[in-house]
Amino acid sequence: MATLELVEKLRKHANVSYDDAREALDACGDDILDAIIYLERKGKISTAKSAGTYTTEKQGAKKPPPKPPKQDDYEPRGETPGQLLGRFVRWLGKVIQAGNRNVFVIEWNGKGDISTIPITLLVILLIVALPLSMTLLVIGLLFGYRYRFQGRDINGSSVNDVMDGVAGVASDIKRKVQDAIREDVDDIMEDIDEIKEEINDELEDIKRRVKKSMDKDDDRG
């Protein structure tokens, strides 16, 4: 049972009644600190600090700053459809500007540029009529046309190296086709010559037979 001295000491520091102080000490085994916590939980005293009041914290001790929540505690803030649309429109505008200030150049047999079109227009043509556009580009390569890109965003890039490689492949294909056609033509001409020789031989043989027949008739006459 709590002594009068302990009850008085708790009552003085906690600013509670005599009965509340004794009840707290009896419940906490005469431990003043536990009794103060007990009274705070019961709502008998305020948890705010005041002069002459016991507290569970050390006097003058600074509270550590609260730790920032972990990154995982933040839920990702998704963009609204309007923000996504705005970002897409800005990106599309930059792409169109780049396409307008860079051009697709067409030249023929190294005789200089014969046509230039903005890359934006080229992309539109490829999207609208891809099979026809690609067919015309390939046919142009076979007929000696060459393509390259030009502009401040493209000069010095490897895209034109790729275009030169494609043009080289087209030239090889064209040369092989021409060689095959030339060989076929040579074979055909040889066959024609052989046929002409056979025809001439037949004509000569016919002439000899006719002459021989005419000579026989003269001898009989």
C-alpha atoms as a PDB file:
ATOM      1  CA  MET A   1       0.000   0.000   0.000  1.00  0.00           C
ATOM      2  CA  ALA A   2       1.323   3.413  -0.929  1.00  0.00           C
ATOM      3  CA  THR A   3       2.739   5.564   1.826  1.00  0.00           C
ATOM      4  CA  LEU A   4       1.432   9.014   2.514  1.00  0.00           C
ATOM      5  CA  GLU A   5       4.725  10.503   1.354  1.00  0.00           C
ATOM      6  CA  LEU A   6       4.505   8.835  -2.070  1.00  0.00           C
ATOM      7  CA  VAL A   7       0.846   9.820  -2.473  1.00  0.00           C
ATOM      8  CA  GLU A   8       1.636  13.434  -1.598  1.00  0.00           C
ATOM      9  CA  LYS A   9       4.608  13.489  -3.957  1.00  0.00           C
ATOM     10  CA  LEU A  10       2.550  12.114  -6.856  1.00  0.00           C
ATOM     11  CA  ARG A  11      -0.380  14.425  -6.119  1.00  0.00           C
ATOM     12  CA  LYS A  12       1.954  17.417  -6.126  1.00  0.00           C
ATOM     13  CA  HIS A  13       3.715  16.617  -9.379  1.00  0.00           C
ATOM     14  CA  ALA A  14       0.677  15.256 -11.256  1.00  0.00           C
ATOM     15  CA  ASN A  15      -1.761  17.840  -9.882  1.00  0.00           C
ATOM     16  CA  VAL A  16      -4.417  15.260  -9.122  1.00  0.00           C
ATOM     17  CA  SER A  17      -6.591  14.468  -6.143  1.00  0.00           C
ATOM     18  CA  TYR A  18      -5.453  12.403  -3.166  1.00  0.00           C
ATOM     19  CA  ASP A  19      -7.706   9.492  -4.134  1.00  0.00           C
ATOM     20  CA  ASP A  20      -6.531   9.471  -7.765  1.00  0.00           C
ATOM     21  CA  ALA A  21      -2.882   9.490  -6.658  1.00  0.00           C
ATOM     22  CA  ARG A  22      -3.403   6.614  -4.208  1.00  0.00           C
ATOM     23  CA  GLU A  23      -5.347   4.599  -6.820  1.00  0.00           C
ATOM     24  CA  ALA A  24      -2.575   5.054  -9.377  1.00  0.00           C
ATOM     25  CA  LEU A  25       0.173   4.070  -6.943  1.00  0.00           C
ATOM     26  CA  ASP A  26      -1.770   1.004  -5.790  1.00  0.00           C
ATOM     27  CA  ALA A  27      -2.313  -0.035  -9.438  1.00  0.00           C
ATOM     28  CA  CYS A  28       1.364   0.463 -10.342  1.00  0.00           C
ATOM     29  CA  GLY A  29       3.047  -1.029  -7.320  1.00  0.00           C
ATOM     30  CA  ASP A  30       4.104   2.332  -5.798  1.00  0.00           C
ATOM     31  CA  ASP A  31       6.120   3.250  -8.955  1.00  0.00           C
ATOM     32  CA  ILE A  32       5.638   7.011  -9.456  1.00  0.00           C
ATOM     33  CA  LEU A  33       6.627   6.971 -13.163  1.00  0.00           C
ATOM     34  CA  ASP A  34       4.217   4.138 -13.956  1.00  0.00           C
ATOM     35  CA  ALA A  35       1.578   5.897 -11.880  1.00  0.00           C
ATOM     36  CA  ILE A  36       1.934   9.092 -13.939  1.00  0.00           C
ATOM     37  CA  ILE A  37       1.543   7.059 -17.122  1.00  0.00           C
ATOM     38  CA  TYR A  38      -1.467   5.346 -15.590  1.00  0.00           C
ATOM     39  CA  LEU A  39      -3.062   8.717 -14.773  1.00  0.00           C
ATOM     40  CA  GLU A  40      -2.329  10.015 -18.286  1.00  0.00           C
ATOM     41  CA  ARG A  41      -4.069   7.012 -19.782  1.00  0.00           C
ATOM     42  CA  LYS A  42      -7.034   7.550 -17.473  1.00  0.00           C
ATOM     43  CA  GLY A  43      -7.222  11.158 -18.585  1.00  0.00           C
ATOM     44  CA  LYS A  44      -6.634  12.474 -15.108  1.00  0.00           C
ATOM     45  CA  ILE A  45      -3.715  14.695 -16.152  1.00  0.00           C
ATOM     46  CA  SER A  46      -2.756  16.401 -19.409  1.00  0.00           C
ATOM     47  CA  THR A  47       0.082  14.957 -21.486  1.00  0.00           C
ATOM     48  CA  ALA A  48       1.295  18.491 -22.220  1.00  0.00           C
ATOM     49  CA  LYS A  49       4.361  19.558 -20.304  1.00  0.00           C
ATOM     50  CA  SER A  50       3.937  22.026 -17.501  1.00  0.00           C
ATOM     51  CA  ALA A  51       6.141  23.344 -14.728  1.00  0.00           C
ATOM     52  CA  GLY A  52       6.599  20.854 -11.940  1.00  0.00           C
ATOM     53  CA  THR A  53       4.953  17.999 -13.848  1.00  0.00           C
ATOM     54  CA  TYR A  54       6.494  14.604 -14.357  1.00  0.00           C
ATOM     55  CA  THR A  55       6.783  13.367 -17.898  1.00  0.00           C
ATOM     56  CA  THR A  56       7.979  10.198 -19.504  1.00  0.00           C
ATOM     57  CA  GLU A  57      10.394  12.192 -21.687  1.00  0.00           C
ATOM     58  CA  LYS A  58      13.684  13.614 -20.556  1.00  0.00           C
ATOM     59  CA  GLN A  59      13.637  17.301 -19.866  1.00  0.00           C
ATOM     60  CA  GLY A  60      15.262  19.324 -22.628  1.00  0.00           C
ATOM     61  CA  ALA A  61      15.625  16.311 -24.882  1.00  0.00           C
ATOM     62  CA  LYS A  62      14.957  17.100 -28.529  1.00  0.00           C
ATOM     63  CA  LYS A  63      12.609  14.922 -30.459  1.00  0.00           C
ATOM     64  CA  PRO A  64      14.236  13.384 -33.521  1.00  0.00           C
ATOM     65  CA  PRO A  65      12.838  14.728 -36.767  1.00  0.00           C
ATOM     66  CA  PRO A  66      10.208  12.496 -38.283  1.00  0.00           C
ATOM     67  CA  LYS A  67      11.575  10.102 -40.850  1.00  0.00           C
ATOM     68  CA  PRO A  68      10.363  10.725 -44.377  1.00  0.00           C
ATOM     69  CA  PRO A  69       8.154   7.974 -45.658  1.00  0.00           C
ATOM     70  CA  LYS A  70       9.813   5.401 -47.817  1.00  0.00           C
ATOM     71  CA  GLN A  71       9.517   5.729 -51.544  1.00  0.00           C
ATOM     72  CA  ASP A  72       7.405   2.593 -51.543  1.00  0.00           C
ATOM     73  CA  ASP A  73       4.875   4.361 -49.304  1.00  0.00           C
ATOM     74  CA  TYR A  74       4.111   6.854 -52.049  1.00  0.00           C
ATOM     75  CA  GLU A  75       1.495   5.734 -54.466  1.00  0.00           C
ATOM     76  CA  PRO A  76       2.394   6.654 -58.051  1.00  0.00           C
ATOM     77  CA  ARG A  77       0.395   9.585 -59.220  1.00  0.00           C
ATOM     78  CA  GLY A  78      -0.880   8.616 -62.678  1.00  0.00           C
ATOM     79  CA  GLU A  79      -1.271  11.239 -65.335  1.00  0.00           C
ATOM     80  CA  THR A  80      -4.723  12.178 -66.450  1.00  0.00           C
ATOM     81  CA  PRO A  81      -5.829  11.444 -70.024  1.00  0.00           C
ATOM     82  CA  GLY A  82      -5.634  15.158 -70.758  1.00  0.00           C
ATOM     83  CA  GLN A  83      -2.010  15.322 -69.609  1.00  0.00           C
ATOM     84  CA  LEU A  84      -1.108  12.254 -71.669  1.00  0.00           C
ATOM     85  CA  LEU A  85      -2.820  13.750 -74.705  1.00  0.00           C
ATOM     86  CA  GLY A  86      -0.979  17.031 -74.206  1.00  0.00           C
ATOM     87  CA  ARG A  87       2.361  15.244 -73.969  1.00  0.00           C
ATOM     88  CA  PHE A  88       1.602  13.277 -77.149  1.00  0.00           C
ATOM     89  CA  VAL A  89       0.598  16.434 -79.029  1.00  0.00           C
ATOM     90  CA  ARG A  90       3.829  18.185 -77.992  1.00  0.00           C
ATOM     91  CA  TRP A  91       5.885  15.170 -79.068  1.00  0.00           C
ATOM     92  CA  LEU A  92       4.039  14.965 -82.387  1.00  0.00           C
ATOM     93  CA  GLY A  93       4.641  18.671 -82.985  1.00  0.00           C
ATOM     94  CA  LYS A  94       8.396  18.222 -82.481  1.00  0.00           C
ATOM     95  CA  VAL A  95       8.439  15.251 -84.867  1.00  0.00           C
ATOM     96  CA  ILE A  96       6.579  17.220 -87.557  1.00  0.00           C
ATOM     97  CA  GLN A  97       8.932  20.181 -87.175  1.00  0.00           C
ATOM     98  CA  ALA A  98      11.945  17.892 -87.563  1.00  0.00           C
ATOM     99  CA  GLY A  99      10.336  16.270 -90.607  1.00  0.00           C
ATOM    100  CA  ASN A 100       9.702  19.655 -92.224  1.00  0.00           C
ATOM    101  CA  ARG A 101      13.252  20.956 -91.806  1.00  0.00           C
ATOM    102  CA  ASN A 102      14.837  17.736 -93.151  1.00  0.00           C
ATOM    103  CA  VAL A 103      14.266  16.503 -96.707  1.00  0.00           C
ATOM    104  CA  PHE A 104      14.328  13.338 -98.802  1.00  0.00           C
ATOM    105  CA  VAL A 105      16.530  13.885-101.868  1.00  0.00           C
ATOM    106  CA  ILE A 106      16.166  12.032-105.184  1.00  0.00           C
ATOM    107  CA  GLU A 107      19.026  12.081-107.721  1.00  0.00           C
ATOM    108  CA  TRP A 108      19.652  10.235-110.965  1.00  0.00           C
ATOM    109  CA  ASN A 109      22.928   8.789-112.248  1.00  0.00           C
ATOM    110  CA  GLY A 110      24.993  11.252-110.249  1.00  0.00           C
ATOM    111  CA  LYS A 111      23.641  14.223-112.247  1.00  0.00           C
ATOM    112  CA  GLY A 112      22.546  16.169-109.203  1.00  0.00           C
ATOM    113  CA  ASP A 113      19.312  16.458-107.283  1.00  0.00           C
ATOM    114  CA  ILE A 114      16.181  16.211-109.382  1.00  0.00           C
ATOM    115  CA  SER A 115      13.666  16.422-106.534  1.00  0.00           C
ATOM    116  CA  THR A 116      13.464  17.057-102.792  1.00  0.00           C
ATOM    117  CA  ILE A 117      10.464  16.496-100.556  1.00  0.00           C
ATOM    118  CA  PRO A 118      10.027  17.050 -96.801  1.00  0.00           C
ATOM    119  CA  ILE A 119      10.367  13.886 -94.759  1.00  0.00           C
ATOM    120  CA  THR A 120       6.933  14.581 -93.262  1.00  0.00           C
ATOM    121  CA  LEU A 121       5.374  14.276 -96.726  1.00  0.00           C
ATOM    122  CA  LEU A 122       7.377  11.112 -97.418  1.00  0.00           C
ATOM    123  CA  VAL A 123       6.067   9.504 -94.231  1.00  0.00           C
ATOM    124  CA  ILE A 124       2.493  10.440 -95.142  1.00  0.00           C
ATOM    125  CA  LEU A 125       2.915   8.884 -98.602  1.00  0.00           C
ATOM    126  CA  LEU A 126       4.326   5.703 -97.084  1.00  0.00           C
ATOM    127  CA  ILE A 127       1.435   5.488 -94.621  1.00  0.00           C
ATOM    128  CA  VAL A 128      -1.295   6.210 -97.178  1.00  0.00           C
ATOM    129  CA  ALA A 129       0.078   4.097-100.047  1.00  0.00           C
ATOM    130  CA  LEU A 130       2.845   1.897 -98.672  1.00  0.00           C
ATOM    131  CA  PRO A 131       2.876  -0.855-101.353  1.00  0.00           C
ATOM    132  CA  LEU A 132       2.805   1.611-104.265  1.00  0.00           C
ATOM    133  CA  SER A 133       5.403   3.913-102.694  1.00  0.00           C
ATOM    134  CA  MET A 134       7.828   1.072-101.929  1.00  0.00           C
ATOM    135  CA  THR A 135       7.370  -0.369-105.440  1.00  0.00           C
ATOM    136  CA  LEU A 136       8.188   2.970-107.049  1.00  0.00           C
ATOM    137  CA  LEU A 137      11.257   3.419-104.839  1.00  0.00           C
ATOM    138  CA  VAL A 138      12.580  -0.052-105.723  1.00  0.00           C
ATOM    139  CA  ILE A 139      11.930   0.464-109.457  1.00  0.00           C
ATOM    140  CA  GLY A 140      13.719   3.808-109.232  1.00  0.00           C
ATOM    141  CA  LEU A 141      16.770   2.099-107.724  1.00  0.00           C
ATOM    142  CA  LEU A 142      16.855  -0.367-110.626  1.00  0.00           C
ATOM    143  CA  PHE A 143      16.723   2.508-113.133  1.00  0.00           C
ATOM    144  CA  GLY A 144      19.623   4.397-111.620  1.00  0.00           C
ATOM    145  CA  TYR A 145      17.871   6.673-109.128  1.00  0.00           C
ATOM    146  CA  ARG A 146      19.511   7.222-105.763  1.00  0.00           C
ATOM    147  CA  TYR A 147      18.015   8.462-102.508  1.00  0.00           C
ATOM    148  CA  ARG A 148      19.435  10.199 -99.468  1.00  0.00           C
ATOM    149  CA  PHE A 149      18.301  12.265 -96.507  1.00  0.00           C
ATOM    150  CA  GLN A 150      19.536  15.780 -95.915  1.00  0.00           C
ATOM    151  CA  GLY A 151      19.057  18.286 -93.105  1.00  0.00           C
ATOM    152  CA  ARG A 152      20.599  19.643 -89.944  1.00  0.00           C
ATOM    153  CA  ASP A 153      19.213  16.748 -87.897  1.00  0.00           C
ATOM    154  CA  ILE A 154      20.474  14.075 -90.323  1.00  0.00           C
ATOM    155  CA  ASN A 155      23.817  15.241 -91.716  1.00  0.00           C
ATOM    156  CA  GLY A 156      26.583  13.038 -90.392  1.00  0.00           C
ATOM    157  CA  SER A 157      24.211  10.257 -89.365  1.00  0.00           C
ATOM    158  CA  SER A 158      24.458   6.659 -90.557  1.00  0.00           C
ATOM    159  CA  VAL A 159      21.078   6.677 -92.305  1.00  0.00           C
ATOM    160  CA  ASN A 160      22.655   7.719 -95.609  1.00  0.00           C
ATOM    161  CA  ASP A 161      25.192   4.903 -95.275  1.00  0.00           C
ATOM    162  CA  VAL A 162      22.249   2.528 -95.155  1.00  0.00           C
ATOM    163  CA  MET A 163      20.754   4.180 -98.250  1.00  0.00           C
ATOM    164  CA  ASP A 164      24.085   3.787-100.092  1.00  0.00           C
ATOM    165  CA  GLY A 165      24.157   0.122 -99.130  1.00  0.00           C
ATOM    166  CA  VAL A 166      20.633  -0.394-100.485  1.00  0.00           C
ATOM    167  CA  ALA A 167      21.602   1.380-103.707  1.00  0.00           C
ATOM    168  CA  GLY A 168      24.646  -0.889-104.044  1.00  0.00           C
ATOM    169  CA  VAL A 169      22.479  -3.996-103.655  1.00  0.00           C
ATOM    170  CA  ALA A 170      20.087  -2.649-106.314  1.00  0.00           C
ATOM    171  CA  SER A 171      23.026  -2.049-108.683  1.00  0.00           C
ATOM    172  CA  ASP A 172      24.248  -5.621-108.196  1.00  0.00           C
ATOM    173  CA  ILE A 173      20.774  -6.988-108.918  1.00  0.00           C
ATOM    174  CA  LYS A 174      20.473  -4.808-112.021  1.00  0.00           C
ATOM    175  CA  ARG A 175      23.872  -5.937-113.295  1.00  0.00           C
ATOM    176  CA  LYS A 176      23.049  -9.604-112.759  1.00  0.00           C
ATOM    177  CA  VAL A 177      19.734  -9.218-114.582  1.00  0.00           C
ATOM    178  CA  GLN A 178      21.435  -7.420-117.476  1.00  0.00           C
ATOM    179  CA  ASP A 179      24.123 -10.104-117.670  1.00  0.00           C
ATOM    180  CA  ALA A 180      21.480 -12.826-117.694  1.00  0.00           C
ATOM    181  CA  ILE A 181      19.524 -11.051-120.425  1.00  0.00           C
ATOM    182  CA  ARG A 182      22.701 -10.465-122.439  1.00  0.00           C
ATOM    183  CA  GLU A 183      23.632 -14.132-122.180  1.00  0.00           C
ATOM    184  CA  ASP A 184      20.143 -15.144-123.254  1.00  0.00           C
ATOM    185  CA  VAL A 185      20.294 -12.729-126.193  1.00  0.00           C
ATOM    186  CA  ASP A 186      23.699 -14.078-127.215  1.00  0.00           C
ATOM    187  CA  ASP A 187      22.344 -17.621-127.073  1.00  0.00           C
ATOM    188  CA  ILE A 188      19.341 -16.608-129.163  1.00  0.00           C
ATOM    189  CA  MET A 189      21.563 -14.905-131.731  1.00  0.00           C
ATOM    190  CA  GLU A 190      23.748 -17.997-131.942  1.00  0.00           C
ATOM    191  CA  ASP A 191      20.670 -20.123-132.531  1.00  0.00           C
ATOM    192  CA  ILE A 192      19.520 -17.722-135.249  1.00  0.00           C
ATOM    193  CA  ASP A 193      22.913 -17.899-136.952  1.00  0.00           C
ATOM    194  CA  GLU A 194      22.786 -21.678-136.884  1.00  0.00           C
ATOM    195  CA  ILE A 195      19.298 -21.634-138.358  1.00  0.00           C
ATOM    196  CA  LYS A 196      20.423 -19.222-141.081  1.00  0.00           C
ATOM    197  CA  GLU A 197      23.333 -21.494-141.946  1.00  0.00           C
ATOM    198  CA  GLU A 198      21.025 -24.511-142.142  1.00  0.00           C
ATOM    199  CA  ILE A 199      18.630 -22.580-144.386  1.00  0.00           C
ATOM    200  CA  ASN A 200      21.469 -21.498-146.670  1.00  0.00           C
ATOM    201  CA  ASP A 201      22.715 -25.076-146.889  1.00  0.00           C
ATOM    202  CA  GLU A 202      19.236 -26.258-147.840  1.00  0.00           C
ATOM    203  CA  LEU A 203      18.935 -23.547-150.477  1.00  0.00           C
ATOM    204  CA  GLU A 204      22.284 -24.454-151.931  1.00  0.00           C
ATOM    205  CA  ASP A 205      21.266 -28.099-152.045  1.00  0.00           C
ATOM    206  CA  ILE A 206      18.008 -27.203-153.792  1.00  0.00           C
ATOM    207  CA  LYS A 207      19.884 -25.076-156.308  1.00  0.00           C
ATOM    208  CA  ARG A 208      22.238 -27.957-157.055  1.00  0.00           C
ATOM    209  CA  ARG A 209      19.361 -30.365-157.571  1.00  0.00           C
ATOM    210  CA  VAL A 210      17.530 -27.943-159.850  1.00  0.00           C
ATOM    211  CA  LYS A 211      20.662 -27.312-161.885  1.00  0.00           C
ATOM    212  CA  LYS A 212      21.383 -31.012-162.136  1.00  0.00           C
ATOM    213  CA  SER A 213      17.847 -31.662-163.328  1.00  0.00           C
ATOM    214  CA  MET A 214      18.076 -28.919-165.921  1.00  0.00           C
ATOM    215  CA  ASP A 215      21.383 -30.310-167.221  1.00  0.00           C
ATOM    216  CA  LYS A 216      19.788 -33.742-167.698  1.00  0.00           C
ATOM    217  CA  ASP A 217      16.963 -32.219-169.699  1.00  0.00           C
ATOM    218  CA  ASP A 218      19.415 -30.422-171.949  1.00  0.00           C
ATOM    219  CA  ASP A 219      21.298 -33.638-172.621  1.00  0.00           C
ATOM    220  CA  ARG A 220      18.108 -35.408-173.694  1.00  0.00           C
ATOM    221  CA  GLY A 221      17.177 -32.588-176.045  1.00  0.00           C
END
